[in-house]
Amino acid sequence: MENTIICFLVFICLLSFVNAFLGPSPAFLQPPAHRACDSSSPLTGTPVGLEAESDSVGPGIYGGSVLLDDVGNVVIGQQFENYNPIPGPVYDGSGYTELSTAIRTGPESVEALLKSGANPNEVSSGAASPLHVSCMGKVGQYSTKLLISAGGNVDARDSWGYTPLQRAATNDLDEAARALLESGASQSAPSGTELKGESARDLAKRLRSFKVLKVIQQFEISRNVALPEGEYQL
């Protein structure tokens, strides 16, 4: 009984230490996330909103093909299922763009498309660039360097005002974060359409994205930037 009580007290102390370092549990403080209703294409049955099993978003919300006008400009209007009330690129209903699909497949597919002339800064649903898409999943992150080398804009903003690095931070994708930081992406730039939101660094810390936070710390230390007061090096 005495050992059980001691173990419980140690657990409480550790929990208090973690919360003191990283702030309160993020469960009720999550920023607006991709949680649209699950809906499928009547033709293919493929989820175009939320893909519940993988907890990721479908092409209607992010990375999907968008409508173009007669001269090739992206049509701006109501976004898929009004998921984001701010007007943005209008999803055309045809699924992921070819490049988004390649990113979700792997670097070899991405490299082949880029060599054939694919645009590394194409606009997809959610105003996502290919770099944004690469920062949404574990497979995609390994195409980040390729996209940057091809001219991908590391400072691009999606419909929510997030940069690729901020997406990498929310998804704890360290390989993507490292490639972006080494290419000039800012870990301190604010997120949001009004640039009043959390930075990639803030997001990584609050959401306990330890792998990305460690990459950011290493990046800052290599440039003689001191860690914030009270923050421990991972």
Protein backbone atom coordinates (compact mmCIF):
# COMPACT_ATOMS: atom_id res chain seq x y z
CA MET A 1 0.00 0.00 0.00
CA GLU A 2 2.83 2.38 0.95
CA ASN A 3 4.60 1.71 -2.37
CA THR A 4 1.39 2.44 -4.29
CA ILE A 5 1.00 5.80 -2.57
CA ILE A 6 4.63 6.72 -3.26
CA CYS A 7 4.27 5.82 -6.97
CA PHE A 8 1.11 7.91 -7.21
CA LEU A 9 2.81 10.93 -5.63
CA VAL A 10 5.77 10.60 -8.01
CA PHE A 11 3.37 10.50 -10.97
CA ILE A 12 1.61 13.67 -9.77
CA CYS A 13 4.95 15.45 -9.39
CA LEU A 14 6.04 14.45 -12.92
CA LEU A 15 2.72 15.59 -14.36
CA SER A 16 3.04 18.95 -12.63
CA PHE A 17 6.57 19.34 -14.02
CA VAL A 18 5.45 18.62 -17.60
CA ASN A 19 2.58 21.08 -17.37
CA ALA A 20 4.88 23.72 -15.88
CA PHE A 21 7.25 23.32 -18.85
CA LEU A 22 4.75 22.98 -21.68
CA GLY A 23 1.66 24.68 -20.34
CA PRO A 24 -1.79 23.15 -19.86
CA SER A 25 -2.97 20.08 -21.69
CA PRO A 26 -3.81 20.99 -25.28
CA ALA A 27 -7.00 18.95 -25.37
CA PHE A 28 -9.24 21.98 -24.94
CA LEU A 29 -6.90 24.54 -26.46
CA GLN A 30 -6.43 23.11 -29.94
CA PRO A 31 -6.47 25.72 -32.72
CA PRO A 32 -9.14 25.30 -35.41
CA ALA A 33 -8.36 21.89 -36.85
CA HIS A 34 -9.50 19.88 -39.84
CA ARG A 35 -12.65 18.24 -38.48
CA ALA A 36 -15.22 18.45 -41.24
CA CYS A 37 -18.11 16.02 -41.44
CA ASP A 38 -17.22 12.78 -43.21
CA SER A 39 -18.75 12.84 -46.65
CA SER A 40 -17.93 10.75 -49.70
CA SER A 41 -18.03 11.19 -53.42
CA PRO A 42 -21.24 9.60 -54.76
CA LEU A 43 -19.22 8.28 -57.68
CA THR A 44 -16.18 6.79 -55.97
CA GLY A 45 -17.08 6.58 -52.30
CA THR A 46 -13.78 8.30 -51.52
CA PRO A 47 -13.96 10.61 -48.48
CA VAL A 48 -13.62 14.22 -49.60
CA GLY A 49 -14.00 15.80 -46.17
CA LEU A 50 -12.64 14.15 -43.06
CA GLU A 51 -10.96 10.76 -43.43
CA ALA A 52 -11.88 9.54 -39.97
CA GLU A 53 -9.75 6.40 -39.92
CA SER A 54 -6.51 8.27 -40.62
CA ASP A 55 -7.59 11.44 -38.79
CA SER A 56 -6.63 13.48 -41.82
CA VAL A 57 -8.48 15.62 -44.29
CA GLY A 58 -9.66 14.75 -47.75
CA PRO A 59 -9.22 16.67 -51.01
CA GLY A 60 -12.34 18.79 -50.49
CA ILE A 61 -10.58 20.54 -47.64
CA TYR A 62 -6.85 20.33 -48.39
CA GLY A 63 -4.75 19.41 -51.41
CA GLY A 64 -7.64 18.92 -53.84
CA SER A 65 -7.99 20.14 -57.40
CA VAL A 66 -9.65 23.56 -57.70
CA LEU A 67 -11.78 25.37 -60.26
CA LEU A 68 -10.09 27.66 -62.78
CA ASP A 69 -11.74 30.43 -64.77
CA ASP A 70 -11.52 30.85 -68.54
CA VAL A 71 -8.08 32.42 -68.35
CA GLY A 72 -6.65 29.93 -65.87
CA ASN A 73 -7.03 31.88 -62.64
CA VAL A 74 -8.11 30.07 -59.46
CA VAL A 75 -11.79 30.65 -58.69
CA ILE A 76 -12.30 32.07 -55.20
CA GLY A 77 -15.55 31.41 -53.37
CA GLN A 78 -17.19 29.30 -50.68
CA GLN A 79 -14.88 26.54 -49.54
CA PHE A 80 -15.91 22.90 -49.31
CA GLU A 81 -18.91 22.38 -47.00
CA ASN A 82 -18.25 25.93 -45.80
CA TYR A 83 -15.59 24.31 -43.62
CA ASN A 84 -13.68 27.56 -43.58
CA PRO A 85 -16.09 30.53 -43.76
CA ILE A 86 -13.37 32.68 -45.31
CA PRO A 87 -13.61 32.55 -49.13
CA GLY A 88 -10.88 30.52 -50.78
CA PRO A 89 -10.06 28.32 -53.78
CA VAL A 90 -13.16 26.38 -54.82
CA TYR A 91 -12.79 22.59 -54.87
CA ASP A 92 -13.77 21.13 -58.25
CA GLY A 93 -14.85 17.73 -56.95
CA SER A 94 -12.26 15.67 -58.83
CA GLY A 95 -10.07 14.60 -55.90
CA TYR A 96 -6.48 15.37 -55.02
CA THR A 97 -4.26 17.15 -57.51
CA GLU A 98 -1.75 14.93 -59.25
CA LEU A 99 1.08 16.45 -57.22
CA SER A 100 -0.80 16.09 -53.92
CA THR A 101 -1.35 12.41 -54.72
CA ALA A 102 2.34 11.99 -55.49
CA ILE A 103 3.30 13.65 -52.19
CA ARG A 104 1.07 11.21 -50.34
CA THR A 105 2.77 8.37 -52.25
CA GLY A 106 6.45 9.22 -51.81
CA PRO A 107 9.46 11.23 -53.05
CA GLU A 108 10.04 9.16 -56.19
CA SER A 109 6.58 10.01 -57.50
CA VAL A 110 7.08 13.67 -56.63
CA GLU A 111 10.47 13.82 -58.34
CA ALA A 112 9.02 12.31 -61.53
CA LEU A 113 6.23 14.90 -61.64
CA LEU A 114 8.56 17.81 -60.94
CA LYS A 115 10.84 16.66 -63.76
CA SER A 116 7.85 16.61 -66.09
CA GLY A 117 7.03 20.21 -65.24
CA ALA A 118 4.67 20.07 -62.25
CA ASN A 119 4.29 23.41 -60.48
CA PRO A 120 5.87 23.31 -56.97
CA ASN A 121 3.67 26.26 -56.03
CA GLU A 122 0.33 25.08 -57.38
CA VAL A 123 -2.77 26.15 -55.45
CA SER A 124 -5.10 23.44 -54.17
CA SER A 125 -8.15 23.37 -51.92
CA GLY A 126 -7.62 25.12 -48.62
CA ALA A 127 -5.16 27.37 -50.49
CA ALA A 128 -2.64 24.65 -49.73
CA SER A 129 0.64 24.62 -51.62
CA PRO A 130 2.51 21.36 -52.25
CA LEU A 131 4.73 22.22 -49.27
CA HIS A 132 1.65 22.51 -47.07
CA VAL A 133 0.53 19.08 -48.27
CA SER A 134 3.96 17.62 -47.55
CA CYS A 135 3.62 18.84 -43.96
CA MET A 136 0.40 16.96 -43.32
CA GLY A 137 1.65 13.38 -43.10
CA LYS A 138 4.60 11.15 -42.29
CA VAL A 139 5.09 10.01 -45.89
CA GLY A 140 4.65 13.47 -47.37
CA GLN A 141 7.32 15.07 -45.21
CA TYR A 142 10.05 13.23 -47.09
CA SER A 143 9.17 15.20 -50.23
CA THR A 144 9.68 18.56 -48.54
CA LYS A 145 13.31 18.96 -49.62
CA LEU A 146 12.46 18.08 -53.23
CA LEU A 147 9.70 20.68 -53.35
CA ILE A 148 11.94 23.35 -51.86
CA SER A 149 14.70 22.54 -54.34
CA ALA A 150 12.17 22.91 -57.15
CA GLY A 151 11.26 26.40 -55.98
CA GLY A 152 8.51 25.77 -53.45
CA ASN A 153 7.68 28.85 -51.38
CA VAL A 154 8.50 28.12 -47.72
CA ASP A 155 6.51 31.18 -46.60
CA ALA A 156 3.26 30.33 -48.43
CA ARG A 157 0.03 30.75 -46.43
CA ASP A 158 -3.04 28.54 -46.64
CA SER A 159 -6.65 29.64 -46.12
CA TRP A 160 -6.17 29.56 -42.36
CA GLY A 161 -3.02 31.68 -42.55
CA TYR A 162 -0.67 28.80 -41.73
CA THR A 163 2.77 28.33 -43.26
CA PRO A 164 4.16 24.90 -44.12
CA LEU A 165 6.36 25.00 -41.01
CA GLN A 166 3.36 25.73 -38.83
CA ARG A 167 1.59 22.70 -40.33
CA ALA A 168 4.70 20.61 -39.69
CA ALA A 169 4.61 21.79 -36.09
CA THR A 170 0.97 20.85 -35.59
CA ASN A 171 1.67 17.39 -37.03
CA ASP A 172 5.08 16.88 -35.33
CA LEU A 173 6.90 16.19 -38.60
CA ASP A 174 10.56 16.74 -37.79
CA GLU A 175 12.03 15.96 -41.22
CA ALA A 176 9.78 18.54 -42.85
CA ALA A 177 10.53 21.09 -40.14
CA ARG A 178 14.29 20.62 -40.50
CA ALA A 179 14.17 21.06 -44.29
CA LEU A 180 12.04 24.20 -43.99
CA LEU A 181 14.17 25.81 -41.29
CA GLU A 182 17.35 25.15 -43.25
CA SER A 183 15.72 26.87 -46.23
CA GLY A 184 14.78 30.05 -44.40
CA ALA A 185 11.33 29.35 -42.97
CA SER A 186 10.61 31.30 -39.79
CA GLN A 187 9.88 29.48 -36.56
CA SER A 188 8.72 32.73 -34.94
CA ALA A 189 6.36 34.15 -37.58
CA PRO A 190 2.76 34.35 -36.32
CA SER A 191 0.01 32.24 -37.86
CA GLY A 192 -3.50 33.29 -38.85
CA THR A 193 -5.00 35.42 -41.57
CA GLU A 194 -4.43 38.51 -39.42
CA LEU A 195 -0.96 37.32 -38.33
CA LYS A 196 -1.98 37.30 -34.67
CA GLY A 197 -1.80 33.56 -34.03
CA GLU A 198 0.82 31.23 -32.61
CA SER A 199 4.18 30.73 -34.28
CA ALA A 200 5.48 27.32 -35.32
CA ARG A 201 7.57 27.32 -32.16
CA ASP A 202 4.55 28.17 -30.00
CA LEU A 203 2.46 25.48 -31.69
CA ALA A 204 5.12 22.82 -31.25
CA LYS A 205 5.46 23.63 -27.57
CA ARG A 206 1.76 23.84 -26.76
CA LEU A 207 0.77 20.77 -28.76
CA ARG A 208 3.68 18.77 -27.35
CA SER A 209 5.18 18.19 -30.78
CA PHE A 210 8.44 17.16 -29.17
CA LYS A 211 10.25 16.12 -32.36
CA VAL A 212 9.64 19.44 -34.05
CA LEU A 213 10.38 21.42 -30.89
CA LYS A 214 13.72 19.62 -30.63
CA VAL A 215 14.55 20.51 -34.25
CA ILE A 216 13.67 24.15 -33.58
CA GLN A 217 15.79 24.21 -30.43
CA GLN A 218 18.76 22.71 -32.27
CA PHE A 219 18.33 25.23 -35.08
CA GLU A 220 18.27 28.14 -32.62
CA ILE A 221 21.22 26.89 -30.58
CA SER A 222 23.30 26.47 -33.76
CA ARG A 223 22.71 30.16 -34.39
CA ASN A 224 23.49 31.21 -30.83
CA VAL A 225 19.87 31.96 -30.01
CA ALA A 226 19.17 31.35 -26.33
CA LEU A 227 16.23 29.16 -25.37
CA PRO A 228 13.33 30.93 -23.63
CA GLU A 229 13.77 31.29 -19.90
CA GLY A 230 12.70 28.15 -18.06
CA GLU A 231 12.61 25.95 -21.17
CA TYR A 232 14.66 22.78 -21.03
CA GLN A 233 16.63 21.55 -24.02
CA LEU A 234 15.20 18.35 -25.47
